[in-house]
PDB file of all heavy atoms in Angstrom:
ATOM      1  N   VAL A   1      84.485  87.224 162.180  1.00  0.00           N
ATOM      2  CA  VAL A   1      84.447  88.599 162.674  1.00  0.00           C
ATOM      3  C   VAL A   1      85.317  88.664 163.919  1.00  0.00           C
ATOM      4  O   VAL A   1      85.166  87.844 164.827  1.00  0.00           O
ATOM      5  CB  VAL A   1      82.997  89.032 163.037  1.00  0.00           C
ATOM      6  CG1 VAL A   1      82.990  90.417 163.656  1.00  0.00           C
ATOM      7  CG2 VAL A   1      82.106  88.981 161.816  1.00  0.00           C
ATOM      8  N   LEU A   2      86.211  89.635 163.959  1.00  0.00           N
ATOM      9  CA  LEU A   2      87.085  89.819 165.112  1.00  0.00           C
ATOM     10  C   LEU A   2      86.786  91.161 165.749  1.00  0.00           C
ATOM     11  O   LEU A   2      86.823  92.190 165.067  1.00  0.00           O
ATOM     12  CB  LEU A   2      88.553  89.765 164.674  1.00  0.00           C
ATOM     13  CG  LEU A   2      89.589  90.215 165.696  1.00  0.00           C
ATOM     14  CD1 LEU A   2      89.580  89.310 166.923  1.00  0.00           C
ATOM     15  CD2 LEU A   2      90.972  90.243 165.066  1.00  0.00           C
ATOM     16  N   VAL A   3      86.475  91.147 167.035  1.00  0.00           N
ATOM     17  CA  VAL A   3      86.309  92.386 167.786  1.00  0.00           C
ATOM     18  C   VAL A   3      87.506  92.487 168.717  1.00  0.00           C
ATOM     19  O   VAL A   3      87.580  91.794 169.735  1.00  0.00           O
ATOM     20  CB  VAL A   3      84.982  92.410 168.582  1.00  0.00           C
ATOM     21  CG1 VAL A   3      84.872  93.706 169.372  1.00  0.00           C
ATOM     22  CG2 VAL A   3      83.796  92.238 167.644  1.00  0.00           C
ATOM     23  N   ASN A   4      88.453  93.322 168.324  1.00  0.00           N
ATOM     24  CA  ASN A   4      89.683  93.530 169.089  1.00  0.00           C
ATOM     25  C   ASN A   4      89.385  94.587 170.144  1.00  0.00           C
ATOM     26  O   ASN A   4      89.502  95.778 169.895  1.00  0.00           O
ATOM     27  CB  ASN A   4      90.778  94.019 168.142  1.00  0.00           C
ATOM     28  CG  ASN A   4      91.958  93.101 168.110  1.00  0.00           C
ATOM     29  OD1 ASN A   4      92.206  92.359 169.050  1.00  0.00           O
ATOM     30  ND2 ASN A   4      92.694  93.161 167.029  1.00  0.00           N
ATOM     31  N   ASN A   5      88.997  94.152 171.332  1.00  0.00           N
ATOM     32  CA  ASN A   5      88.443  95.052 172.319  1.00  0.00           C
ATOM     33  C   ASN A   5      89.292  95.191 173.580  1.00  0.00           C
ATOM     34  O   ASN A   5      89.079  96.100 174.354  1.00  0.00           O
ATOM     35  CB  ASN A   5      87.037  94.541 172.680  1.00  0.00           C
ATOM     36  CG  ASN A   5      86.382  95.389 173.716  1.00  0.00           C
ATOM     37  OD1 ASN A   5      85.964  96.480 173.427  1.00  0.00           O
ATOM     38  ND2 ASN A   5      86.324  94.900 174.932  1.00  0.00           N
ATOM     39  N   ALA A   6      90.233  94.310 173.813  1.00  0.00           N
ATOM     40  CA  ALA A   6      91.036  94.380 175.038  1.00  0.00           C
ATOM     41  C   ALA A   6      91.745  95.723 175.120  1.00  0.00           C
ATOM     42  O   ALA A   6      92.174  96.270 174.111  1.00  0.00           O
ATOM     43  CB  ALA A   6      92.054  93.246 175.067  1.00  0.00           C
ATOM     44  N   GLY A   7      91.861  96.257 176.321  1.00  0.00           N
ATOM     45  CA  GLY A   7      92.544  97.536 176.476  1.00  0.00           C
ATOM     46  C   GLY A   7      92.987  97.781 177.898  1.00  0.00           C
ATOM     47  O   GLY A   7      92.430  97.227 178.843  1.00  0.00           O
ATOM     48  N   VAL A   8      94.002  98.605 178.032  1.00  0.00           N
ATOM     49  CA  VAL A   8      94.541  99.002 179.329  1.00  0.00           C
ATOM     50  C   VAL A   8      94.307 100.498 179.487  1.00  0.00           C
ATOM     51  O   VAL A   8      94.592 101.270 178.570  1.00  0.00           O
ATOM     52  CB  VAL A   8      96.056  98.703 179.416  1.00  0.00           C
ATOM     53  CG1 VAL A   8      96.660  99.295 180.680  1.00  0.00           C
ATOM     54  CG2 VAL A   8      96.313  97.218 179.339  1.00  0.00           C
ATOM     55  N   VAL A   9      93.795 100.897 180.639  1.00  0.00           N
ATOM     56  CA  VAL A   9      93.632 102.308 180.977  1.00  0.00           C
ATOM     57  C   VAL A   9      94.411 102.536 182.264  1.00  0.00           C
ATOM     58  O   VAL A   9      94.124 101.911 183.291  1.00  0.00           O
ATOM     59  CB  VAL A   9      92.144 102.673 181.176  1.00  0.00           C
ATOM     60  CG1 VAL A   9      91.997 104.140 181.548  1.00  0.00           C
ATOM     61  CG2 VAL A   9      91.334 102.350 179.931  1.00  0.00           C
ATOM     62  N   SER A  10      95.392 103.414 182.208  1.00  0.00           N
ATOM     63  CA  SER A  10      96.269 103.602 183.374  1.00  0.00           C
ATOM     64  C   SER A  10      95.619 104.456 184.453  1.00  0.00           C
ATOM     65  O   SER A  10      95.859 104.236 185.635  1.00  0.00           O
ATOM     66  CB  SER A  10      97.587 104.238 182.940  1.00  0.00           C
ATOM     67  OG  SER A  10      97.392 105.595 182.579  1.00  0.00           O
ATOM     68  N   GLY A  11      94.850 105.451 184.057  1.00  0.00           N
ATOM     69  CA  GLY A  11      94.257 106.357 185.040  1.00  0.00           C
ATOM     70  C   GLY A  11      95.239 107.399 185.554  1.00  0.00           C
ATOM     71  O   GLY A  11      94.920 108.174 186.449  1.00  0.00           O
ATOM     72  N   HIS A  12      96.435 107.425 184.986  1.00  0.00           N
ATOM     73  CA  HIS A  12      97.461 108.397 185.387  1.00  0.00           C
ATOM     74  C   HIS A  12      97.726 109.381 184.257  1.00  0.00           C
ATOM     75  O   HIS A  12      97.537 109.057 183.085  1.00  0.00           O
ATOM     76  CB  HIS A  12      98.790 107.690 185.712  1.00  0.00           C
ATOM     77  CG  HIS A  12      98.721 106.717 186.832  1.00  0.00           C
ATOM     78  ND1 HIS A  12      98.591 107.091 188.139  1.00  0.00           N
ATOM     79  CD2 HIS A  12      98.778 105.366 186.835  1.00  0.00           C
ATOM     80  CE1 HIS A  12      98.570 106.007 188.911  1.00  0.00           C
ATOM     81  NE2 HIS A  12      98.669 104.945 188.130  1.00  0.00           N
ATOM     82  N   HIS A  13      98.208 110.573 184.630  1.00  0.00           N
ATOM     83  CA  HIS A  13      98.713 111.492 183.618  1.00  0.00           C
ATOM     84  C   HIS A  13     100.003 110.896 183.064  1.00  0.00           C
ATOM     85  O   HIS A  13     100.725 110.177 183.753  1.00  0.00           O
ATOM     86  CB  HIS A  13      98.988 112.873 184.222  1.00  0.00           C
ATOM     87  CG  HIS A  13      97.756 113.558 184.696  1.00  0.00           C
ATOM     88  ND1 HIS A  13      96.834 114.115 183.820  1.00  0.00           N
ATOM     89  CD2 HIS A  13      97.271 113.777 185.941  1.00  0.00           C
ATOM     90  CE1 HIS A  13      95.853 114.646 184.515  1.00  0.00           C
ATOM     91  NE2 HIS A  13      96.076 114.450 185.807  1.00  0.00           N
ATOM     92  N   LEU A  14     100.306 111.184 181.829  1.00  0.00           N
ATOM     93  CA  LEU A  14     101.467 110.606 181.163  1.00  0.00           C
ATOM     94  C   LEU A  14     102.744 110.768 181.982  1.00  0.00           C
ATOM     95  O   LEU A  14     103.504 109.817 182.157  1.00  0.00           O
ATOM     96  CB  LEU A  14     101.646 111.233 179.775  1.00  0.00           C
ATOM     97  CG  LEU A  14     102.862 110.763 178.997  1.00  0.00           C
ATOM     98  CD1 LEU A  14     102.754 109.268 178.689  1.00  0.00           C
ATOM     99  CD2 LEU A  14     103.030 111.557 177.719  1.00  0.00           C
ATOM    100  N   LEU A  15     102.976 111.949 182.494  1.00  0.00           N
ATOM    101  CA  LEU A  15     104.218 112.195 183.229  1.00  0.00           C
ATOM    102  C   LEU A  15     104.251 111.518 184.592  1.00  0.00           C
ATOM    103  O   LEU A  15     105.307 111.438 185.208  1.00  0.00           O
ATOM    104  CB  LEU A  15     104.470 113.701 183.361  1.00  0.00           C
ATOM    105  CG  LEU A  15     104.661 114.437 182.028  1.00  0.00           C
ATOM    106  CD1 LEU A  15     104.854 115.927 182.258  1.00  0.00           C
ATOM    107  CD2 LEU A  15     105.827 113.848 181.240  1.00  0.00           C
ATOM    108  N   GLU A  16     103.116 111.029 185.059  1.00  0.00           N
ATOM    109  CA  GLU A  16     103.056 110.312 186.336  1.00  0.00           C
ATOM    110  C   GLU A  16     103.052 108.800 186.139  1.00  0.00           C
ATOM    111  O   GLU A  16     103.017 108.054 187.106  1.00  0.00           O
ATOM    112  CB  GLU A  16     101.802 110.733 187.103  1.00  0.00           C
ATOM    113  CG  GLU A  16     101.763 112.203 187.465  1.00  0.00           C
ATOM    114  CD  GLU A  16     100.401 112.628 187.997  1.00  0.00           C
ATOM    115  OE1 GLU A  16      99.470 111.804 188.033  1.00  0.00           O
ATOM    116  OE2 GLU A  16     100.272 113.807 188.372  1.00  0.00           O
ATOM    117  N   CYS A  17     103.061 108.359 184.914  1.00  0.00           N
ATOM    118  CA  CYS A  17     102.937 106.938 184.588  1.00  0.00           C
ATOM    119  C   CYS A  17     104.316 106.272 184.613  1.00  0.00           C
ATOM    120  O   CYS A  17     105.241 106.740 183.950  1.00  0.00           O
ATOM    121  CB  CYS A  17     102.333 106.816 183.189  1.00  0.00           C
ATOM    122  SG  CYS A  17     101.044 105.617 183.062  1.00  0.00           S
ATOM    123  N   PRO A  18     104.447 105.167 185.329  1.00  0.00           N
ATOM    124  CA  PRO A  18     105.725 104.453 185.292  1.00  0.00           C
ATOM    125  C   PRO A  18     105.963 103.852 183.906  1.00  0.00           C
ATOM    126  O   PRO A  18     105.026 103.516 183.186  1.00  0.00           O
ATOM    127  CB  PRO A  18     105.568 103.356 186.349  1.00  0.00           C
ATOM    128  CG  PRO A  18     104.136 103.298 186.691  1.00  0.00           C
ATOM    129  CD  PRO A  18     103.484 104.560 186.221  1.00  0.00           C
ATOM    130  N   ASP A  19     107.220 103.719 183.539  1.00  0.00           N
ATOM    131  CA  ASP A  19     107.584 103.202 182.223  1.00  0.00           C
ATOM    132  C   ASP A  19     106.941 101.853 181.940  1.00  0.00           C
ATOM    133  O   ASP A  19     106.485 101.599 180.824  1.00  0.00           O
ATOM    134  CB  ASP A  19     109.102 103.069 182.096  1.00  0.00           C
ATOM    135  CG  ASP A  19     109.795 104.416 182.078  1.00  0.00           C
ATOM    136  OD1 ASP A  19     109.109 105.440 181.872  1.00  0.00           O
ATOM    137  OD2 ASP A  19     111.032 104.435 182.269  1.00  0.00           O
ATOM    138  N   GLU A  20     106.899 100.971 182.938  1.00  0.00           N
ATOM    139  CA  GLU A  20     106.335  99.638 182.745  1.00  0.00           C
ATOM    140  C   GLU A  20     104.861  99.706 182.344  1.00  0.00           C
ATOM    141  O   GLU A  20     104.402  98.926 181.502  1.00  0.00           O
ATOM    142  CB  GLU A  20     106.478  98.779 184.014  1.00  0.00           C
ATOM    143  CG  GLU A  20     107.908  98.495 184.410  1.00  0.00           C
ATOM    144  CD  GLU A  20     108.595  99.667 185.121  1.00  0.00           C
ATOM    145  OE1 GLU A  20     107.887 100.541 185.689  1.00  0.00           O
ATOM    146  OE2 GLU A  20     109.834  99.720 185.068  1.00  0.00           O
ATOM    147  N   LEU A  21     104.136 100.646 182.923  1.00  0.00           N
ATOM    148  CA  LEU A  21     102.717 100.788 182.589  1.00  0.00           C
ATOM    149  C   LEU A  21     102.537 101.371 181.190  1.00  0.00           C
ATOM    150  O   LEU A  21     101.637 100.965 180.450  1.00  0.00           O
ATOM    151  CB  LEU A  21     102.002 101.638 183.637  1.00  0.00           C
ATOM    152  CG  LEU A  21     100.490 101.747 183.518  1.00  0.00           C
ATOM    153  CD1 LEU A  21      99.822 100.368 183.450  1.00  0.00           C
ATOM    154  CD2 LEU A  21      99.929 102.524 184.698  1.00  0.00           C
ATOM    155  N   ILE A  22     103.399 102.288 180.810  1.00  0.00           N
ATOM    156  CA  ILE A  22     103.345 102.835 179.447  1.00  0.00           C
ATOM    157  C   ILE A  22     103.619 101.719 178.443  1.00  0.00           C
ATOM    158  O   ILE A  22     102.908 101.586 177.439  1.00  0.00           O
ATOM    159  CB  ILE A  22     104.352 103.989 179.278  1.00  0.00           C
ATOM    160  CG1 ILE A  22     103.906 105.194 180.106  1.00  0.00           C
ATOM    161  CG2 ILE A  22     104.498 104.372 177.797  1.00  0.00           C
ATOM    162  CD1 ILE A  22     104.920 106.316 180.193  1.00  0.00           C
ATOM    163  N   GLU A  23     104.635 100.898 178.714  1.00  0.00           N
ATOM    164  CA  GLU A  23     104.949  99.787 177.811  1.00  0.00           C
ATOM    165  C   GLU A  23     103.796  98.798 177.731  1.00  0.00           C
ATOM    166  O   GLU A  23     103.435  98.338 176.646  1.00  0.00           O
ATOM    167  CB  GLU A  23     106.231  99.087 178.259  1.00  0.00           C
ATOM    168  CG  GLU A  23     107.466  99.926 178.040  1.00  0.00           C
ATOM    169  CD  GLU A  23     108.721  99.307 178.633  1.00  0.00           C
ATOM    170  OE1 GLU A  23     108.621  98.366 179.456  1.00  0.00           O
ATOM    171  OE2 GLU A  23     109.812  99.766 178.262  1.00  0.00           O
ATOM    172  N   ARG A  24     103.190  98.459 178.862  1.00  0.00           N
ATOM    173  CA  ARG A  24     102.060  97.530 178.890  1.00  0.00           C
ATOM    174  C   ARG A  24     100.882  98.104 178.098  1.00  0.00           C
ATOM    175  O   ARG A  24     100.218  97.392 177.336  1.00  0.00           O
ATOM    176  CB  ARG A  24     101.654  97.256 180.343  1.00  0.00           C
ATOM    177  CG  ARG A  24     100.464  96.364 180.492  1.00  0.00           C
ATOM    178  CD  ARG A  24     100.829  94.919 180.309  1.00  0.00           C
ATOM    179  NE  ARG A  24      99.639  94.094 180.447  1.00  0.00           N
ATOM    180  CZ  ARG A  24      99.424  93.011 179.740  1.00  0.00           C
ATOM    181  NH1 ARG A  24     100.319  92.590 178.886  1.00  0.00           N
ATOM    182  NH2 ARG A  24      98.332  92.320 179.894  1.00  0.00           N
ATOM    183  N   THR A  25     100.610  99.382 178.283  1.00  0.00           N
ATOM    184  CA  THR A  25      99.520 100.042 177.570  1.00  0.00           C
ATOM    185  C   THR A  25      99.737  99.966 176.065  1.00  0.00           C
ATOM    186  O   THR A  25      98.814  99.644 175.308  1.00  0.00           O
ATOM    187  CB  THR A  25      99.390 101.509 178.026  1.00  0.00           C
ATOM    188  OG1 THR A  25      99.127 101.528 179.432  1.00  0.00           O
ATOM    189  CG2 THR A  25      98.268 102.224 177.284  1.00  0.00           C
ATOM    190  N   MET A  26     100.950 100.232 175.623  1.00  0.00           N
ATOM    191  CA  MET A  26     101.243 100.172 174.186  1.00  0.00           C
ATOM    192  C   MET A  26     101.121  98.746 173.658  1.00  0.00           C
ATOM    193  O   MET A  26     100.612  98.536 172.553  1.00  0.00           O
ATOM    194  CB  MET A  26     102.640 100.727 173.900  1.00  0.00           C
ATOM    195  CG  MET A  26     102.736 102.236 174.084  1.00  0.00           C
ATOM    196  SD  MET A  26     101.525 103.159 173.102  1.00  0.00           S
ATOM    197  CE  MET A  26     102.076 102.778 171.455  1.00  0.00           C
ATOM    198  N   MET A  27     101.575  97.767 174.423  1.00  0.00           N
ATOM    199  CA  MET A  27     101.508  96.374 173.969  1.00  0.00           C
ATOM    200  C   MET A  27     100.050  95.936 173.801  1.00  0.00           C
ATOM    201  O   MET A  27      99.710  95.294 172.810  1.00  0.00           O
ATOM    202  CB  MET A  27     102.206  95.443 174.961  1.00  0.00           C
ATOM    203  CG  MET A  27     103.693  95.582 174.941  1.00  0.00           C
ATOM    204  SD  MET A  27     104.344  95.222 173.311  1.00  0.00           S
ATOM    205  CE  MET A  27     105.961  94.718 173.704  1.00  0.00           C
ATOM    206  N   VAL A  28      99.207  96.276 174.750  1.00  0.00           N
ATOM    207  CA  VAL A  28      97.811  95.825 174.707  1.00  0.00           C
ATOM    208  C   VAL A  28      96.962  96.704 173.790  1.00  0.00           C
ATOM    209  O   VAL A  28      96.167  96.200 172.996  1.00  0.00           O
ATOM    210  CB  VAL A  28      97.206  95.779 176.130  1.00  0.00           C
ATOM    211  CG1 VAL A  28      95.709  95.477 176.077  1.00  0.00           C
ATOM    212  CG2 VAL A  28      97.934  94.741 176.984  1.00  0.00           C
ATOM    213  N   ASN A  29      97.129  98.014 173.881  1.00  0.00           N
ATOM    214  CA  ASN A  29      96.252  98.929 173.149  1.00  0.00           C
ATOM    215  C   ASN A  29      96.689  99.177 171.709  1.00  0.00           C
ATOM    216  O   ASN A  29      95.904  99.689 170.919  1.00  0.00           O
ATOM    217  CB  ASN A  29      96.163 100.272 173.874  1.00  0.00           C
ATOM    218  CG  ASN A  29      95.496 100.155 175.228  1.00  0.00           C
ATOM    219  OD1 ASN A  29      95.132  99.077 175.667  1.00  0.00           O
ATOM    220  ND2 ASN A  29      95.351 101.267 175.909  1.00  0.00           N
ATOM    221  N   CYS A  30      97.908  98.819 171.383  1.00  0.00           N
ATOM    222  CA  CYS A  30      98.389  99.049 170.023  1.00  0.00           C
ATOM    223  C   CYS A  30      98.903  97.761 169.376  1.00  0.00           C
ATOM    224  O   CYS A  30      98.295  97.229 168.461  1.00  0.00           O
ATOM    225  CB  CYS A  30      99.483 100.114 170.030  1.00  0.00           C
ATOM    226  SG  CYS A  30     100.140 100.453 168.380  1.00  0.00           S
ATOM    227  N   HIS A  31     100.010  97.242 169.876  1.00  0.00           N
ATOM    228  CA  HIS A  31     100.645  96.080 169.252  1.00  0.00           C
ATOM    229  C   HIS A  31      99.728  94.870 169.172  1.00  0.00           C
ATOM    230  O   HIS A  31      99.734  94.141 168.169  1.00  0.00           O
ATOM    231  CB  HIS A  31     101.930  95.701 169.995  1.00  0.00           C
ATOM    232  CG  HIS A  31     102.953  96.788 169.983  1.00  0.00           C
ATOM    233  ND1 HIS A  31     103.940  96.874 170.914  1.00  0.00           N
ATOM    234  CD2 HIS A  31     103.144  97.848 169.146  1.00  0.00           C
ATOM    235  CE1 HIS A  31     104.701  97.916 170.669  1.00  0.00           C
ATOM    236  NE2 HIS A  31     104.236  98.537 169.593  1.00  0.00           N
ATOM    237  N   ALA A  32      98.949  94.636 170.188  1.00  0.00           N
ATOM    238  CA  ALA A  32      98.063  93.463 170.211  1.00  0.00           C
ATOM    239  C   ALA A  32      97.098  93.450 169.032  1.00  0.00           C
ATOM    240  O   ALA A  32      96.746  92.375 168.532  1.00  0.00           O
ATOM    241  CB  ALA A  32      97.283  93.410 171.523  1.00  0.00           C
TER     242      ALA A  32
END
């Protein structure tokens, strides 16, 4: 059984989010 639970929450509105944080969020919350 695999519980894929790791996640990143930026706490910023999308337009206030730096590109690096958006990329990190996608890597952890989606690609991982």
